C-alpha cells in the first residue's frame, strides 16, 4: 500500500509544472566560480556547468531570452579560446579576431534596481539588446592603460554586451595619448571613454548607457 502511495506521489510530482529557476541556478554557479577565481573567463572549463543549466531554461520562461544570450556569449568565448590552441572548424565571421569575453555579472538585459527611472531602464535595455543597425551608429573609444582595473571592467562590459569599441593604450601609443589629452580636457585619470564625441571620465556605466541609448535613438 505504501509503495503504491509513493508511486502515485511520484507521478503527481512528475506531472506538475517545474518551479525550478534554472537561470537563477546558472547565475549561482557563475558566482561560485568567480568567488574562487575572480579572473575566470567564459572559456574556463567550469562554465560548462553554467551552460548546462542555461540549456534547461524553458523556451516560454521569462528569463529565456537572457539565458539564450548568456549561453551564446559563453559558447562564443569557448569557441574563440579553443581556436587559439587546437584545430577547430572555421569560426563564424562575427567571431574572427575577437578575444574571449571576461564574465559579465549580469544578463543581457539589466534588471531594474531601486530608484531606477523608466527612462534609465529603457536605456539599459537597449544597451543589452542592440542589433547590427544600432551598433553601426556607435563610435566609442576607450582610452586605457595596461594596469588600470576600471579599464579592464569597461573592456569586459563592452565585450560582454556586444558593444563595438576601439581601445587605445595611452602609455604605449603617443598618438593615442595626444588624443586622450584633447578629449579629456584636463582629465588625468583612466579610463576615459568617448561615446559619439562625448567624454566620460572613469567607468560611469549609467552615463555610458544613456549616451548609447541617445546615439541609437538619434
N, C-alpha and C. Protein backbone atom coordinates (compact mmCIF):
# COMPACT_ATOMS: atom_id res chain seq x y z
N UNK A 1 0.84 -1.20 0.00
CA UNK A 1 0.00 0.00 0.00
C UNK A 1 0.87 1.25 0.00
N UNK A 2 1.87 1.24 0.86
CA UNK A 2 2.76 2.41 0.94
C UNK A 2 3.54 2.58 -0.35
N UNK A 3 3.87 1.42 -0.99
CA UNK A 3 4.62 1.51 -2.23
C UNK A 3 3.78 2.17 -3.31
N UNK A 4 2.49 1.81 -3.36
CA UNK A 4 1.59 2.40 -4.36
C UNK A 4 1.39 3.89 -4.10
N UNK A 5 1.28 4.24 -2.84
CA UNK A 5 1.10 5.66 -2.49
C UNK A 5 2.32 6.46 -2.91
N UNK A 6 3.52 5.89 -2.69
CA UNK A 6 4.76 6.58 -3.09
C UNK A 6 4.82 6.76 -4.59
N UNK A 7 4.39 5.72 -5.35
CA UNK A 7 4.40 5.78 -6.81
C UNK A 7 3.44 6.84 -7.31
N UNK A 8 2.24 6.91 -6.70
CA UNK A 8 1.26 7.92 -7.09
C UNK A 8 1.79 9.31 -6.84
N UNK A 9 2.44 9.51 -5.69
CA UNK A 9 3.00 10.83 -5.36
C UNK A 9 4.08 11.20 -6.36
N UNK A 10 4.90 10.22 -6.74
CA UNK A 10 5.98 10.50 -7.70
C UNK A 10 5.42 10.90 -9.05
N UNK A 11 4.34 10.22 -9.48
CA UNK A 11 3.71 10.55 -10.76
C UNK A 11 3.12 11.95 -10.74
N UNK A 12 2.50 12.28 -9.62
CA UNK A 12 1.90 13.61 -9.50
C UNK A 12 2.96 14.68 -9.54
N UNK A 13 4.06 14.46 -8.86
CA UNK A 13 5.14 15.42 -8.86
C UNK A 13 5.70 15.57 -10.26
N UNK A 14 5.83 14.43 -10.98
CA UNK A 14 6.38 14.48 -12.33
C UNK A 14 5.48 15.23 -13.29
N UNK A 15 4.20 15.19 -13.07
CA UNK A 15 3.26 15.87 -13.97
C UNK A 15 3.13 17.34 -13.67
N UNK A 16 3.49 17.73 -12.48
CA UNK A 16 3.33 19.13 -12.09
C UNK A 16 4.34 20.00 -12.85
N UNK A 17 3.97 21.22 -13.20
CA UNK A 17 4.92 22.11 -13.88
C UNK A 17 6.11 22.42 -12.99
N UNK A 18 7.30 22.47 -13.59
CA UNK A 18 8.51 22.71 -12.81
C UNK A 18 8.56 24.15 -12.31
N UNK A 19 8.94 24.29 -11.05
CA UNK A 19 9.08 25.64 -10.48
C UNK A 19 10.55 26.00 -10.29
N UNK A 20 11.43 25.15 -10.81
CA UNK A 20 12.87 25.40 -10.67
C UNK A 20 13.28 26.55 -11.58
N UNK A 21 13.99 27.51 -11.03
CA UNK A 21 14.51 28.63 -11.82
C UNK A 21 15.93 28.27 -12.27
N UNK A 22 16.03 27.69 -13.45
CA UNK A 22 17.33 27.24 -13.94
C UNK A 22 18.27 28.41 -14.23
N UNK A 23 17.71 29.56 -14.63
CA UNK A 23 18.55 30.72 -14.90
C UNK A 23 19.20 31.20 -13.60
N UNK A 24 18.43 31.22 -12.52
CA UNK A 24 18.97 31.62 -11.22
C UNK A 24 20.05 30.63 -10.77
N UNK A 25 19.83 29.34 -11.05
CA UNK A 25 20.84 28.35 -10.70
C UNK A 25 22.12 28.57 -11.50
N UNK A 26 21.99 28.92 -12.78
CA UNK A 26 23.16 29.19 -13.62
C UNK A 26 23.94 30.38 -13.08
N UNK A 27 23.21 31.42 -12.67
CA UNK A 27 23.87 32.59 -12.10
C UNK A 27 24.57 32.26 -10.78
N UNK A 28 23.96 31.38 -10.00
CA UNK A 28 24.57 30.98 -8.72
C UNK A 28 25.88 30.22 -8.97
N UNK A 29 25.89 29.36 -9.99
CA UNK A 29 27.11 28.63 -10.33
C UNK A 29 28.18 29.61 -10.79
N UNK A 30 27.77 30.61 -11.60
CA UNK A 30 28.72 31.62 -12.08
C UNK A 30 29.33 32.38 -10.91
N UNK A 31 28.50 32.76 -9.95
CA UNK A 31 29.01 33.49 -8.77
C UNK A 31 30.01 32.63 -7.99
N UNK A 32 29.70 31.33 -7.88
CA UNK A 32 30.60 30.43 -7.16
C UNK A 32 31.96 30.34 -7.87
N UNK A 33 31.93 30.27 -9.21
CA UNK A 33 33.17 30.21 -9.98
C UNK A 33 33.99 31.47 -9.76
N UNK A 34 33.31 32.62 -9.79
CA UNK A 34 34.00 33.90 -9.66
C UNK A 34 34.51 34.15 -8.24
N UNK A 35 33.84 33.58 -7.26
CA UNK A 35 34.34 33.70 -5.89
C UNK A 35 35.67 32.96 -5.75
N UNK A 36 35.79 31.81 -6.41
CA UNK A 36 37.02 31.04 -6.33
C UNK A 36 38.12 31.66 -7.17
N UNK A 37 37.72 32.25 -8.31
CA UNK A 37 38.70 32.88 -9.20
C UNK A 37 38.06 34.06 -9.90
N UNK A 38 38.19 35.28 -9.33
CA UNK A 38 37.56 36.47 -9.93
C UNK A 38 38.01 36.75 -11.36
N UNK A 39 39.15 36.19 -11.78
CA UNK A 39 39.67 36.43 -13.12
C UNK A 39 39.18 35.38 -14.13
N UNK A 40 38.35 34.45 -13.69
CA UNK A 40 37.90 33.39 -14.59
C UNK A 40 37.09 33.96 -15.74
N UNK A 41 37.39 33.52 -16.95
CA UNK A 41 36.65 33.95 -18.13
C UNK A 41 35.68 32.87 -18.56
N UNK A 42 34.85 33.20 -19.55
CA UNK A 42 33.87 32.22 -20.02
C UNK A 42 34.52 30.98 -20.64
N UNK A 43 35.81 31.09 -21.00
CA UNK A 43 36.50 29.93 -21.56
C UNK A 43 36.96 28.96 -20.46
N UNK A 44 36.77 29.33 -19.19
CA UNK A 44 37.11 28.45 -18.08
C UNK A 44 36.23 27.19 -18.18
N UNK A 45 36.83 25.98 -18.06
CA UNK A 45 36.06 24.73 -18.19
C UNK A 45 34.85 24.64 -17.28
N UNK A 46 34.90 25.30 -16.13
CA UNK A 46 33.80 25.21 -15.18
C UNK A 46 32.53 25.87 -15.68
N UNK A 47 32.65 26.74 -16.69
CA UNK A 47 31.45 27.40 -17.22
C UNK A 47 30.58 26.43 -18.04
N UNK A 48 31.08 25.22 -18.27
CA UNK A 48 30.25 24.18 -18.91
C UNK A 48 29.02 23.91 -18.04
N UNK A 49 29.22 23.94 -16.72
CA UNK A 49 28.10 23.69 -15.80
C UNK A 49 27.07 24.81 -15.90
N UNK A 50 27.53 26.04 -16.13
CA UNK A 50 26.59 27.16 -16.32
C UNK A 50 25.79 26.94 -17.61
N UNK A 51 26.48 26.53 -18.65
CA UNK A 51 25.80 26.27 -19.93
C UNK A 51 24.71 25.21 -19.80
N UNK A 52 25.03 24.16 -19.05
CA UNK A 52 24.05 23.09 -18.89
C UNK A 52 22.78 23.58 -18.22
N UNK A 53 22.93 24.43 -17.20
CA UNK A 53 21.75 24.98 -16.53
C UNK A 53 20.98 25.93 -17.45
N UNK A 54 21.70 26.71 -18.24
CA UNK A 54 21.04 27.64 -19.17
C UNK A 54 20.25 26.87 -20.22
N UNK A 55 20.76 25.73 -20.62
CA UNK A 55 20.05 24.91 -21.61
C UNK A 55 18.74 24.35 -21.08
N UNK A 56 18.62 24.30 -19.75
CA UNK A 56 17.42 23.75 -19.13
C UNK A 56 16.32 24.80 -18.93
N UNK A 57 16.62 26.05 -19.25
CA UNK A 57 15.60 27.10 -19.11
C UNK A 57 14.53 26.91 -20.19
N UNK A 58 13.26 26.75 -19.81
CA UNK A 58 12.19 26.55 -20.79
C UNK A 58 12.07 27.73 -21.74
N UNK A 59 11.68 27.45 -22.98
CA UNK A 59 11.59 28.49 -24.00
C UNK A 59 10.54 29.55 -23.66
N UNK A 60 9.54 29.18 -22.86
CA UNK A 60 8.49 30.13 -22.52
C UNK A 60 8.71 30.80 -21.15
N UNK A 61 9.87 30.59 -20.56
CA UNK A 61 10.16 31.18 -19.26
C UNK A 61 10.54 32.65 -19.44
N UNK A 62 10.19 33.53 -18.48
CA UNK A 62 10.53 34.96 -18.60
C UNK A 62 12.03 35.24 -18.78
N UNK A 63 12.87 34.32 -18.31
CA UNK A 63 14.32 34.54 -18.42
C UNK A 63 14.92 33.88 -19.66
N UNK A 64 14.08 33.34 -20.55
CA UNK A 64 14.58 32.57 -21.68
C UNK A 64 15.51 33.39 -22.58
N UNK A 65 15.13 34.62 -22.88
CA UNK A 65 15.95 35.46 -23.77
C UNK A 65 17.30 35.77 -23.13
N UNK A 66 17.28 36.07 -21.83
CA UNK A 66 18.53 36.35 -21.12
C UNK A 66 19.42 35.12 -21.07
N UNK A 67 18.78 33.96 -20.84
CA UNK A 67 19.54 32.71 -20.77
C UNK A 67 20.17 32.40 -22.12
N UNK A 68 19.42 32.59 -23.18
CA UNK A 68 19.93 32.31 -24.52
C UNK A 68 21.11 33.22 -24.86
N UNK A 69 20.99 34.51 -24.53
CA UNK A 69 22.06 35.46 -24.82
C UNK A 69 23.32 35.15 -24.03
N UNK A 70 23.15 34.79 -22.75
CA UNK A 70 24.30 34.47 -21.91
C UNK A 70 24.96 33.18 -22.40
N UNK A 71 24.15 32.20 -22.77
CA UNK A 71 24.69 30.95 -23.29
C UNK A 71 25.47 31.19 -24.57
N UNK A 72 24.97 32.09 -25.43
CA UNK A 72 25.67 32.41 -26.67
C UNK A 72 27.02 33.06 -26.38
N UNK A 73 27.05 33.96 -25.40
CA UNK A 73 28.31 34.63 -25.04
C UNK A 73 29.35 33.62 -24.52
N UNK A 74 28.89 32.71 -23.67
CA UNK A 74 29.80 31.70 -23.13
C UNK A 74 30.29 30.77 -24.23
N UNK A 75 29.38 30.33 -25.09
CA UNK A 75 29.74 29.42 -26.18
C UNK A 75 30.73 30.09 -27.13
N UNK A 76 30.48 31.36 -27.46
CA UNK A 76 31.38 32.09 -28.36
C UNK A 76 32.79 32.18 -27.76
N UNK A 77 32.86 32.53 -26.47
CA UNK A 77 34.16 32.66 -25.82
C UNK A 77 34.91 31.34 -25.81
N UNK A 78 34.20 30.26 -25.61
CA UNK A 78 34.83 28.95 -25.58
C UNK A 78 35.32 28.54 -26.96
N UNK A 79 34.57 28.88 -27.99
CA UNK A 79 34.99 28.55 -29.36
C UNK A 79 36.22 29.38 -29.75
N UNK A 80 36.22 30.64 -29.36
CA UNK A 80 37.37 31.50 -29.68
C UNK A 80 38.62 30.99 -28.98
N UNK A 81 38.47 30.65 -27.69
CA UNK A 81 39.61 30.16 -26.93
C UNK A 81 40.14 28.85 -27.51
N UNK A 82 39.22 27.97 -27.91
CA UNK A 82 39.64 26.68 -28.48
C UNK A 82 40.38 26.87 -29.79
N UNK A 83 39.98 27.88 -30.56
CA UNK A 83 40.61 28.10 -31.86
C UNK A 83 42.07 28.54 -31.72
N UNK A 84 42.44 29.05 -30.54
CA UNK A 84 43.81 29.51 -30.32
C UNK A 84 44.76 28.34 -30.03
N UNK A 85 44.19 27.19 -29.61
CA UNK A 85 45.04 26.10 -29.14
C UNK A 85 44.94 24.81 -29.94
N UNK A 86 43.86 24.67 -30.70
CA UNK A 86 43.69 23.42 -31.43
C UNK A 86 42.94 23.68 -32.72
N UNK A 87 43.01 22.70 -33.60
CA UNK A 87 42.33 22.85 -34.89
C UNK A 87 40.83 22.67 -34.69
N UNK A 88 40.09 23.71 -34.98
CA UNK A 88 38.63 23.65 -34.87
C UNK A 88 38.06 24.15 -36.17
N UNK A 89 36.75 23.96 -36.32
CA UNK A 89 36.09 24.44 -37.52
C UNK A 89 36.21 25.95 -37.64
N UNK A 90 36.02 26.43 -38.84
CA UNK A 90 36.14 27.87 -39.09
C UNK A 90 35.17 28.65 -38.20
N UNK A 91 35.67 29.67 -37.55
CA UNK A 91 34.83 30.49 -36.68
C UNK A 91 33.84 31.30 -37.52
N UNK A 92 32.65 31.57 -36.98
CA UNK A 92 31.73 32.47 -37.68
C UNK A 92 32.40 33.82 -37.90
N UNK A 93 32.02 34.49 -38.97
CA UNK A 93 32.66 35.76 -39.32
C UNK A 93 32.62 36.75 -38.18
N UNK A 94 31.53 36.75 -37.40
CA UNK A 94 31.39 37.71 -36.31
C UNK A 94 32.38 37.47 -35.18
N UNK A 95 33.00 36.27 -35.15
CA UNK A 95 33.93 35.95 -34.07
C UNK A 95 35.39 36.03 -34.48
N UNK A 96 35.66 36.18 -35.76
CA UNK A 96 37.04 36.21 -36.22
C UNK A 96 37.75 37.43 -35.64
N UNK A 97 38.88 37.19 -34.98
CA UNK A 97 39.66 38.28 -34.41
C UNK A 97 39.17 38.77 -33.08
N UNK A 98 38.11 38.15 -32.54
CA UNK A 98 37.55 38.58 -31.26
C UNK A 98 38.19 37.79 -30.13
N UNK A 99 38.48 38.47 -29.02
CA UNK A 99 39.04 37.80 -27.85
C UNK A 99 37.91 37.31 -26.96
N UNK A 100 38.14 36.20 -26.23
CA UNK A 100 37.11 35.71 -25.32
C UNK A 100 36.74 36.79 -24.30
N UNK A 101 35.46 36.95 -24.09
CA UNK A 101 35.00 37.98 -23.15
C UNK A 101 35.14 37.48 -21.72
N UNK A 102 35.50 38.39 -20.85
CA UNK A 102 35.53 38.07 -19.42
C UNK A 102 34.09 37.94 -18.93
N UNK A 103 33.85 37.23 -17.84
CA UNK A 103 32.49 37.06 -17.35
C UNK A 103 31.84 38.39 -17.01
N UNK A 104 30.58 38.48 -17.35
CA UNK A 104 29.83 39.70 -17.08
C UNK A 104 28.79 39.38 -16.02
N UNK A 105 28.76 40.15 -14.93
CA UNK A 105 27.91 39.82 -13.80
C UNK A 105 26.50 40.37 -13.97
N UNK A 106 25.89 40.02 -15.08
CA UNK A 106 24.50 40.41 -15.35
C UNK A 106 24.04 39.67 -16.59
N UNK A 107 22.73 39.64 -16.80
CA UNK A 107 22.21 39.12 -18.05
C UNK A 107 22.26 40.21 -19.09
N UNK A 108 21.88 39.90 -20.33
CA UNK A 108 21.94 40.92 -21.37
C UNK A 108 20.99 42.08 -21.14
N UNK A 109 19.90 41.85 -20.42
CA UNK A 109 19.00 42.94 -20.05
C UNK A 109 19.15 43.19 -18.56
N UNK A 110 19.60 44.36 -18.20
CA UNK A 110 19.89 44.64 -16.79
C UNK A 110 18.59 44.69 -15.98
N UNK A 111 18.56 44.05 -14.83
CA UNK A 111 17.35 44.08 -14.00
C UNK A 111 17.13 45.45 -13.39
N UNK A 112 15.89 45.75 -13.12
CA UNK A 112 15.55 47.03 -12.52
C UNK A 112 16.06 47.09 -11.09
N UNK A 113 16.64 48.21 -10.73
CA UNK A 113 17.12 48.40 -9.37
C UNK A 113 16.32 49.50 -8.71
N UNK A 114 16.36 49.54 -7.38
CA UNK A 114 15.61 50.55 -6.64
C UNK A 114 16.04 51.94 -7.08
N UNK A 115 15.05 52.78 -7.38
CA UNK A 115 15.36 54.15 -7.76
C UNK A 115 15.58 54.35 -9.25
N UNK A 116 15.57 53.27 -10.06
CA UNK A 116 15.76 53.42 -11.49
C UNK A 116 14.50 54.01 -12.12
N UNK A 117 14.68 55.02 -12.93
CA UNK A 117 13.54 55.62 -13.62
C UNK A 117 13.23 54.82 -14.86
N UNK A 118 12.03 55.04 -15.44
CA UNK A 118 11.66 54.36 -16.68
C UNK A 118 12.61 54.69 -17.80
N UNK A 119 13.07 55.92 -17.85
CA UNK A 119 13.99 56.34 -18.90
C UNK A 119 15.33 55.62 -18.76
N UNK A 120 15.82 55.50 -17.53
CA UNK A 120 17.07 54.78 -17.30
C UNK A 120 16.93 53.32 -17.68
N UNK A 121 15.77 52.71 -17.35
CA UNK A 121 15.55 51.32 -17.68
C UNK A 121 15.53 51.11 -19.19
N UNK A 122 14.91 52.05 -19.93
CA UNK A 122 14.86 51.94 -21.38
C UNK A 122 16.27 51.98 -21.96
N UNK A 123 17.09 52.86 -21.40
CA UNK A 123 18.47 52.98 -21.89
C UNK A 123 19.23 51.68 -21.62
N UNK A 124 19.05 51.10 -20.44
CA UNK A 124 19.77 49.87 -20.09
C UNK A 124 19.32 48.72 -20.97
N UNK A 125 18.01 48.62 -21.23
CA UNK A 125 17.50 47.55 -22.06
C UNK A 125 18.09 47.62 -23.46
N UNK A 126 18.19 48.84 -23.99
CA UNK A 126 18.71 48.99 -25.35
C UNK A 126 20.18 48.62 -25.41
N UNK A 127 20.91 48.94 -24.38
CA UNK A 127 22.33 48.58 -24.35
C UNK A 127 22.47 47.06 -24.37
N UNK A 128 21.58 46.35 -23.71
CA UNK A 128 21.67 44.90 -23.64
C UNK A 128 21.08 44.18 -24.83
N UNK A 129 20.45 44.89 -25.74
CA UNK A 129 19.76 44.21 -26.84
C UNK A 129 19.95 44.98 -28.14
N UNK A 130 21.18 45.36 -28.47
CA UNK A 130 21.45 46.14 -29.66
C UNK A 130 21.51 45.24 -30.89
N UNK A 131 20.88 45.69 -31.99
CA UNK A 131 21.02 44.94 -33.23
C UNK A 131 22.15 45.55 -34.06
N UNK A 132 22.41 44.98 -35.23
CA UNK A 132 23.54 45.44 -36.04
C UNK A 132 23.38 46.90 -36.48
N UNK A 133 22.15 47.30 -36.78
CA UNK A 133 21.92 48.68 -37.21
C UNK A 133 22.24 49.66 -36.09
N UNK A 134 21.84 49.29 -34.86
CA UNK A 134 22.11 50.15 -33.70
C UNK A 134 23.61 50.24 -33.44
N UNK A 135 24.30 49.11 -33.56
CA UNK A 135 25.74 49.11 -33.32
C UNK A 135 26.49 49.99 -34.32
N UNK A 136 25.97 50.03 -35.54
CA UNK A 136 26.63 50.83 -36.58
C UNK A 136 26.57 52.32 -36.28
N UNK A 137 25.69 52.73 -35.38
CA UNK A 137 25.54 54.15 -35.03
C UNK A 137 26.49 54.57 -33.91
N UNK A 138 27.20 53.61 -33.36
CA UNK A 138 28.05 53.90 -32.21
C UNK A 138 29.50 54.14 -32.61
N UNK A 139 30.10 55.12 -31.96
CA UNK A 139 31.52 55.43 -32.16
C UNK A 139 32.12 55.60 -30.76
N UNK A 140 32.67 54.52 -30.21
CA UNK A 140 33.12 54.50 -28.82
C UNK A 140 34.62 54.22 -28.77
N UNK A 141 35.32 55.05 -28.01
CA UNK A 141 36.75 54.87 -27.83
C UNK A 141 37.07 54.77 -26.35
N UNK A 142 37.81 53.75 -25.99
CA UNK A 142 38.25 53.53 -24.61
C UNK A 142 39.75 53.84 -24.53
N UNK A 143 40.09 54.90 -23.78
CA UNK A 143 41.50 55.22 -23.54
C UNK A 143 41.88 54.58 -22.21
N UNK A 144 42.92 53.76 -22.24
CA UNK A 144 43.22 52.94 -21.08
C UNK A 144 44.72 52.81 -20.84
N UNK A 145 45.06 52.07 -19.78
CA UNK A 145 46.44 51.65 -19.52
C UNK A 145 46.41 50.16 -19.20
N UNK A 146 47.55 49.52 -19.24
CA UNK A 146 47.61 48.08 -19.01
C UNK A 146 47.34 47.71 -17.55
N UNK A 147 47.54 48.64 -16.63
CA UNK A 147 47.42 48.33 -15.21
C UNK A 147 46.10 48.77 -14.59
N UNK A 148 45.25 49.41 -15.35
CA UNK A 148 44.01 50.02 -14.82
C UNK A 148 42.90 48.98 -14.66
N UNK A 149 42.47 48.77 -13.40
CA UNK A 149 41.40 47.82 -13.14
C UNK A 149 40.06 48.25 -13.71
N UNK A 150 39.73 49.54 -13.63
CA UNK A 150 38.46 50.02 -14.17
C UNK A 150 38.45 49.95 -15.69
N UNK A 151 39.62 50.06 -16.30
CA UNK A 151 39.71 49.90 -17.76
C UNK A 151 39.34 48.47 -18.12
N UNK A 152 39.82 47.53 -17.33
CA UNK A 152 39.52 46.12 -17.57
C UNK A 152 38.03 45.86 -17.41
N UNK A 153 37.42 46.48 -16.40
CA UNK A 153 35.97 46.31 -16.21
C UNK A 153 35.19 46.86 -17.40
N UNK A 154 35.60 48.04 -17.86
CA UNK A 154 34.91 48.65 -19.01
C UNK A 154 35.06 47.77 -20.24
N UNK A 155 36.28 47.28 -20.47
CA UNK A 155 36.55 46.42 -21.63
C UNK A 155 35.66 45.17 -21.59
N UNK A 156 35.58 44.54 -20.43
CA UNK A 156 34.79 43.32 -20.27
C UNK A 156 33.31 43.60 -20.47
N UNK A 157 32.86 44.74 -19.96
CA UNK A 157 31.44 45.09 -20.08
C UNK A 157 31.07 45.33 -21.54
N UNK A 158 31.88 46.09 -22.24
CA UNK A 158 31.61 46.35 -23.66
C UNK A 158 31.58 45.04 -24.44
N UNK A 159 32.59 44.20 -24.22
CA UNK A 159 32.69 42.95 -24.96
C UNK A 159 31.52 42.02 -24.65
N UNK A 160 31.17 41.92 -23.36
CA UNK A 160 30.09 41.05 -22.95
C UNK A 160 28.74 41.48 -23.46
N UNK A 161 28.55 42.80 -23.60
CA UNK A 161 27.26 43.33 -24.08
C UNK A 161 27.23 43.44 -25.60
N UNK A 162 28.34 43.09 -26.26
CA UNK A 162 28.36 43.16 -27.72
C UNK A 162 28.39 44.58 -28.25
N UNK A 163 28.96 45.49 -27.49
CA UNK A 163 29.03 46.90 -27.90
C UNK A 163 30.36 47.15 -28.59
N UNK A 164 30.36 47.60 -29.83
CA UNK A 164 31.62 47.84 -30.55
C UNK A 164 32.38 49.03 -29.97
N UNK A 165 33.71 48.89 -29.85
CA UNK A 165 34.52 49.98 -29.32
C UNK A 165 35.97 49.79 -29.77
N UNK A 166 36.71 50.88 -29.74
CA UNK A 166 38.14 50.84 -30.00
C UNK A 166 38.87 51.16 -28.70
N UNK A 167 39.97 50.47 -28.46
CA UNK A 167 40.72 50.73 -27.24
C UNK A 167 42.14 51.16 -27.60
N UNK A 168 42.63 52.20 -26.89
CA UNK A 168 43.98 52.70 -27.12
C UNK A 168 44.70 52.84 -25.79
N UNK A 169 45.87 52.26 -25.70
CA UNK A 169 46.71 52.36 -24.51
C UNK A 169 47.48 53.68 -24.57
N UNK A 170 47.18 54.59 -23.66
CA UNK A 170 47.79 55.93 -23.73
C UNK A 170 49.26 55.94 -23.33
N UNK A 171 49.71 54.85 -22.72
CA UNK A 171 51.13 54.77 -22.35
C UNK A 171 51.98 54.13 -23.46
N UNK A 172 51.33 53.32 -24.28
CA UNK A 172 52.06 52.62 -25.34
C UNK A 172 51.97 53.32 -26.69
N UNK A 173 51.00 54.23 -26.83
CA UNK A 173 50.76 54.87 -28.12
C UNK A 173 50.76 56.40 -27.96
N UNK A 174 51.82 57.08 -28.42
CA UNK A 174 51.90 58.54 -28.28
C UNK A 174 50.74 59.27 -28.94
N UNK A 175 50.30 58.78 -30.10
CA UNK A 175 49.18 59.43 -30.79
C UNK A 175 47.90 59.30 -29.96
N UNK A 176 47.71 58.13 -29.37
CA UNK A 176 46.54 57.92 -28.52
C UNK A 176 46.60 58.81 -27.29
N UNK A 177 47.80 59.01 -26.75
CA UNK A 177 47.97 59.86 -25.58
C UNK A 177 47.57 61.30 -25.91
N UNK A 178 47.95 61.75 -27.10
CA UNK A 178 47.60 63.11 -27.52
C UNK A 178 46.09 63.25 -27.69
N UNK A 179 45.47 62.23 -28.29
CA UNK A 179 44.01 62.26 -28.48
C UNK A 179 43.30 62.21 -27.14
N UNK A 180 43.84 61.43 -26.21
CA UNK A 180 43.28 61.31 -24.86
C UNK A 180 43.30 62.66 -24.15
N UNK A 181 44.42 63.37 -24.25
CA UNK A 181 44.54 64.68 -23.60
C UNK A 181 43.57 65.69 -24.20
N UNK A 182 43.40 65.62 -25.51
CA UNK A 182 42.49 66.55 -26.18
C UNK A 182 41.04 66.27 -25.78
N UNK A 183 40.69 64.98 -25.72
CA UNK A 183 39.31 64.61 -25.38
C UNK A 183 39.02 64.80 -23.90
N UNK A 184 40.04 64.58 -23.05
CA UNK A 184 39.83 64.65 -21.61
C UNK A 184 39.75 66.05 -21.05
N UNK A 185 40.28 67.03 -21.79
CA UNK A 185 40.19 68.44 -21.36
C UNK A 185 40.67 68.63 -19.93
N UNK A 186 41.88 68.14 -19.68
CA UNK A 186 42.45 68.33 -18.35
C UNK A 186 42.33 67.14 -17.44
N UNK A 187 41.55 66.14 -17.82
CA UNK A 187 41.39 64.93 -17.01
C UNK A 187 42.66 64.11 -17.11
N UNK A 188 43.16 63.62 -15.97
CA UNK A 188 44.42 62.89 -15.97
C UNK A 188 44.28 61.45 -15.50
N UNK A 189 43.05 60.98 -15.41
CA UNK A 189 42.83 59.60 -14.96
C UNK A 189 42.44 58.68 -16.10
N UNK A 190 42.30 57.42 -15.79
CA UNK A 190 41.81 56.42 -16.73
C UNK A 190 40.79 55.53 -16.02
N UNK A 191 39.84 54.99 -16.77
CA UNK A 191 39.70 55.17 -18.21
C UNK A 191 39.04 56.49 -18.57
N UNK A 192 39.23 56.87 -19.82
CA UNK A 192 38.45 57.94 -20.43
C UNK A 192 37.72 57.29 -21.59
N UNK A 193 36.41 57.39 -21.58
CA UNK A 193 35.60 56.73 -22.60
C UNK A 193 34.84 57.80 -23.39
N UNK A 194 35.02 57.82 -24.68
CA UNK A 194 34.36 58.81 -25.53
C UNK A 194 33.26 58.11 -26.31
N UNK A 195 32.02 58.51 -26.06
CA UNK A 195 30.85 57.91 -26.71
C UNK A 195 30.27 58.91 -27.69
N UNK A 196 30.47 58.66 -28.96
CA UNK A 196 29.96 59.53 -30.02
C UNK A 196 30.30 61.00 -29.74
N UNK A 197 31.55 61.23 -29.36
CA UNK A 197 32.05 62.58 -29.17
C UNK A 197 31.94 63.12 -27.76
N UNK A 198 31.22 62.45 -26.90
CA UNK A 198 31.06 62.92 -25.51
C UNK A 198 31.98 62.14 -24.57
N UNK A 199 32.92 62.83 -23.89
CA UNK A 199 33.85 62.12 -22.99
C UNK A 199 33.19 61.75 -21.67
N UNK A 200 33.51 60.57 -21.18
CA UNK A 200 33.04 60.09 -19.88
C UNK A 200 34.27 59.78 -19.04
N UNK A 201 34.41 60.48 -17.92
CA UNK A 201 35.56 60.28 -17.05
C UNK A 201 35.33 59.10 -16.11
N UNK A 202 36.18 58.10 -16.23
CA UNK A 202 36.01 56.90 -15.43
C UNK A 202 34.98 55.98 -16.06
N UNK A 203 34.77 54.82 -15.44
CA UNK A 203 33.80 53.85 -15.95
C UNK A 203 32.44 54.12 -15.31
N UNK A 204 31.77 55.19 -15.81
CA UNK A 204 30.44 55.57 -15.33
C UNK A 204 29.42 54.86 -16.22
N UNK A 205 29.06 53.65 -15.82
CA UNK A 205 28.23 52.80 -16.67
C UNK A 205 26.87 53.41 -16.97
N UNK A 206 26.25 54.04 -15.95
CA UNK A 206 24.93 54.63 -16.16
C UNK A 206 24.98 55.74 -17.22
N UNK A 207 26.00 56.57 -17.16
CA UNK A 207 26.13 57.64 -18.14
C UNK A 207 26.41 57.08 -19.53
N UNK A 208 27.24 56.06 -19.60
CA UNK A 208 27.55 55.43 -20.89
C UNK A 208 26.28 54.84 -21.49
N UNK A 209 25.47 54.20 -20.66
CA UNK A 209 24.22 53.62 -21.16
C UNK A 209 23.31 54.69 -21.73
N UNK A 210 23.22 55.83 -21.04
CA UNK A 210 22.36 56.91 -21.53
C UNK A 210 22.88 57.45 -22.86
N UNK A 211 24.18 57.60 -22.97
CA UNK A 211 24.76 58.13 -24.21
C UNK A 211 24.58 57.15 -25.36
N UNK A 212 24.70 55.87 -25.07
CA UNK A 212 24.48 54.86 -26.12
C UNK A 212 23.03 54.88 -26.58
N UNK A 213 22.10 54.94 -25.61
CA UNK A 213 20.68 54.99 -25.96
C UNK A 213 20.37 56.22 -26.80
N UNK A 214 20.96 57.35 -26.44
CA UNK A 214 20.74 58.59 -27.19
C UNK A 214 21.28 58.47 -28.61
N UNK A 215 22.46 57.85 -28.75
CA UNK A 215 23.06 57.70 -30.08
C UNK A 215 22.23 56.77 -30.95
N UNK A 216 21.71 55.72 -30.34
CA UNK A 216 20.90 54.75 -31.10
C UNK A 216 19.58 55.37 -31.54
N UNK A 217 18.97 56.13 -30.65
CA UNK A 217 17.69 56.78 -30.98
C UNK A 217 17.88 57.87 -32.03
N UNK A 218 19.07 58.53 -31.98
CA UNK A 218 19.32 59.64 -32.91
C UNK A 218 19.61 59.15 -34.31
